[in-house]
Amino acid sequence: MDKVQKINEKIMIIGIIVGFVLGIYLGINHDDPNFWFTLVLWVFSTSFIMTFISAVGGYYAHARDESVEFNITSPIRVFILNMAVVAVSASFGFIFCSILIGNFTTAK
């Protein structure tokens, strides 16, 4: 595991919290016509910001010490992982909020 992934592990809780709060917001405003646009925009932007922080930290560590590994595939893997974490957290928040406010019903 390289430095980018180690930094990302430390800030992963931000993606979980943002995703869950986003899911709660979308659970309350589920009839918004821009529902999917809002979801995709927030997932991409949060994932990009978290990946950027991790990549800058990994590159800085590599610039200080050449023995620290840094390659271009690490930020790509971290970005995909961040997108999955935020999207799954948003889905849990959406389901939680929908059940809580009564918008989620099962088929009879």
Protein backbone atom coordinates (compact mmCIF):
# COMPACT_ATOMS: atom_id res chain seq x y z
CA MET A 1 0.00 0.00 0.00
CA ASP A 2 1.45 3.34 -0.97
CA LYS A 3 1.22 6.76 0.64
CA VAL A 4 -1.84 7.89 -1.37
CA GLN A 5 -3.89 4.98 -0.08
CA LYS A 6 -2.64 5.47 3.48
CA ILE A 7 -3.69 9.12 3.43
CA ASN A 8 -7.04 8.17 1.91
CA GLU A 9 -7.71 5.72 4.75
CA LYS A 10 -7.38 8.58 7.22
CA ILE A 11 -9.91 10.83 5.45
CA MET A 12 -12.36 8.09 4.39
CA ILE A 13 -14.73 9.00 7.25
CA ILE A 14 -15.40 12.33 5.50
CA GLY A 15 -16.77 10.48 2.47
CA ILE A 16 -18.94 8.26 4.66
CA ILE A 17 -20.41 11.25 6.52
CA VAL A 18 -20.97 13.33 3.37
CA GLY A 19 -22.60 10.36 1.61
CA PHE A 20 -24.93 9.63 4.52
CA VAL A 21 -25.96 13.28 4.87
CA LEU A 22 -26.50 13.47 1.11
CA GLY A 23 -28.72 10.38 1.31
CA ILE A 24 -30.76 11.93 4.11
CA TYR A 25 -31.15 15.14 2.10
CA LEU A 26 -32.27 13.21 -0.97
CA GLY A 27 -34.62 11.10 1.15
CA ILE A 28 -36.37 14.24 2.32
CA ASN A 29 -36.40 15.84 -1.15
CA HIS A 30 -37.09 12.64 -3.08
CA ASP A 31 -39.48 14.36 -5.50
CA ASP A 32 -36.82 16.79 -6.73
CA PRO A 33 -36.63 16.70 -10.56
CA ASN A 34 -32.84 17.05 -10.36
CA PHE A 35 -32.50 14.08 -7.99
CA TRP A 36 -30.00 12.08 -10.06
CA PHE A 37 -28.06 15.15 -11.14
CA THR A 38 -27.63 16.21 -7.50
CA LEU A 39 -26.59 12.71 -6.46
CA VAL A 40 -24.02 12.26 -9.24
CA LEU A 41 -22.65 15.78 -8.82
CA TRP A 42 -22.07 15.38 -5.08
CA VAL A 43 -20.61 11.87 -5.41
CA PHE A 44 -18.16 12.98 -8.10
CA SER A 45 -17.18 16.25 -6.44
CA THR A 46 -16.69 14.73 -2.97
CA SER A 47 -14.70 11.84 -4.43
CA PHE A 48 -12.57 14.19 -6.50
CA ILE A 49 -11.78 16.44 -3.53
CA MET A 50 -10.86 13.51 -1.31
CA THR A 51 -8.71 12.00 -4.07
CA PHE A 52 -7.01 15.33 -4.70
CA ILE A 53 -6.09 15.64 -1.02
CA SER A 54 -4.71 12.11 -0.97
CA ALA A 55 -2.78 12.55 -4.23
CA VAL A 56 -1.21 15.84 -3.15
CA GLY A 57 -0.19 14.31 0.17
CA GLY A 58 1.29 11.27 -1.55
CA TYR A 59 3.15 13.37 -4.10
CA TYR A 60 4.49 15.65 -1.37
CA ALA A 61 5.74 12.62 0.59
CA HIS A 62 7.38 11.31 -2.60
CA ALA A 63 9.01 14.69 -3.27
CA ARG A 64 10.47 14.80 0.26
CA ASP A 65 11.69 11.21 0.24
CA GLU A 66 12.33 9.33 -3.01
CA SER A 67 11.87 5.97 -1.29
CA VAL A 68 8.14 6.67 -0.84
CA GLU A 69 6.20 5.04 -3.67
CA PHE A 70 3.97 7.20 -5.89
CA ASN A 71 2.49 6.17 -9.23
CA ILE A 72 -0.44 7.38 -11.32
CA THR A 73 -2.58 4.29 -10.75
CA SER A 74 -2.92 4.96 -7.02
CA PRO A 75 -5.05 8.13 -7.36
CA ILE A 76 -7.23 6.38 -9.94
CA ARG A 77 -7.86 3.45 -7.59
CA VAL A 78 -8.48 5.84 -4.70
CA PHE A 79 -10.97 7.87 -6.79
CA ILE A 80 -12.96 4.76 -7.69
CA LEU A 81 -12.91 3.63 -4.06
CA ASN A 82 -14.07 7.07 -2.88
CA MET A 83 -16.94 7.08 -5.40
CA ALA A 84 -18.09 3.69 -4.13
CA VAL A 85 -17.87 4.75 -0.48
CA VAL A 86 -19.84 7.97 -1.01
CA ALA A 87 -22.46 6.30 -3.22
CA VAL A 88 -23.05 3.38 -0.84
CA SER A 89 -23.23 5.74 2.15
CA ALA A 90 -25.74 7.90 0.24
CA SER A 91 -27.90 4.86 -0.50
CA PHE A 92 -27.91 3.87 3.18
CA GLY A 93 -28.79 7.43 4.18
CA PHE A 94 -31.57 7.54 1.58
CA ILE A 95 -33.09 4.26 2.76
CA PHE A 96 -32.74 5.25 6.43
CA CYS A 97 -34.43 8.60 5.85
CA SER A 98 -37.14 7.15 3.63
CA ILE A 99 -38.07 4.57 6.27
CA LEU A 100 -37.92 7.21 9.00
CA ILE A 101 -40.27 9.67 7.28
CA GLY A 102 -42.54 6.96 5.85
CA ASN A 103 -41.79 7.21 2.13
CA PHE A 104 -40.46 3.67 1.87
CA THR A 105 -43.06 0.95 1.61
CA THR A 106 -42.78 -2.68 0.62
CA ALA A 107 -44.91 -4.24 -2.09
CA LYS A 108 -48.01 -6.02 -0.82
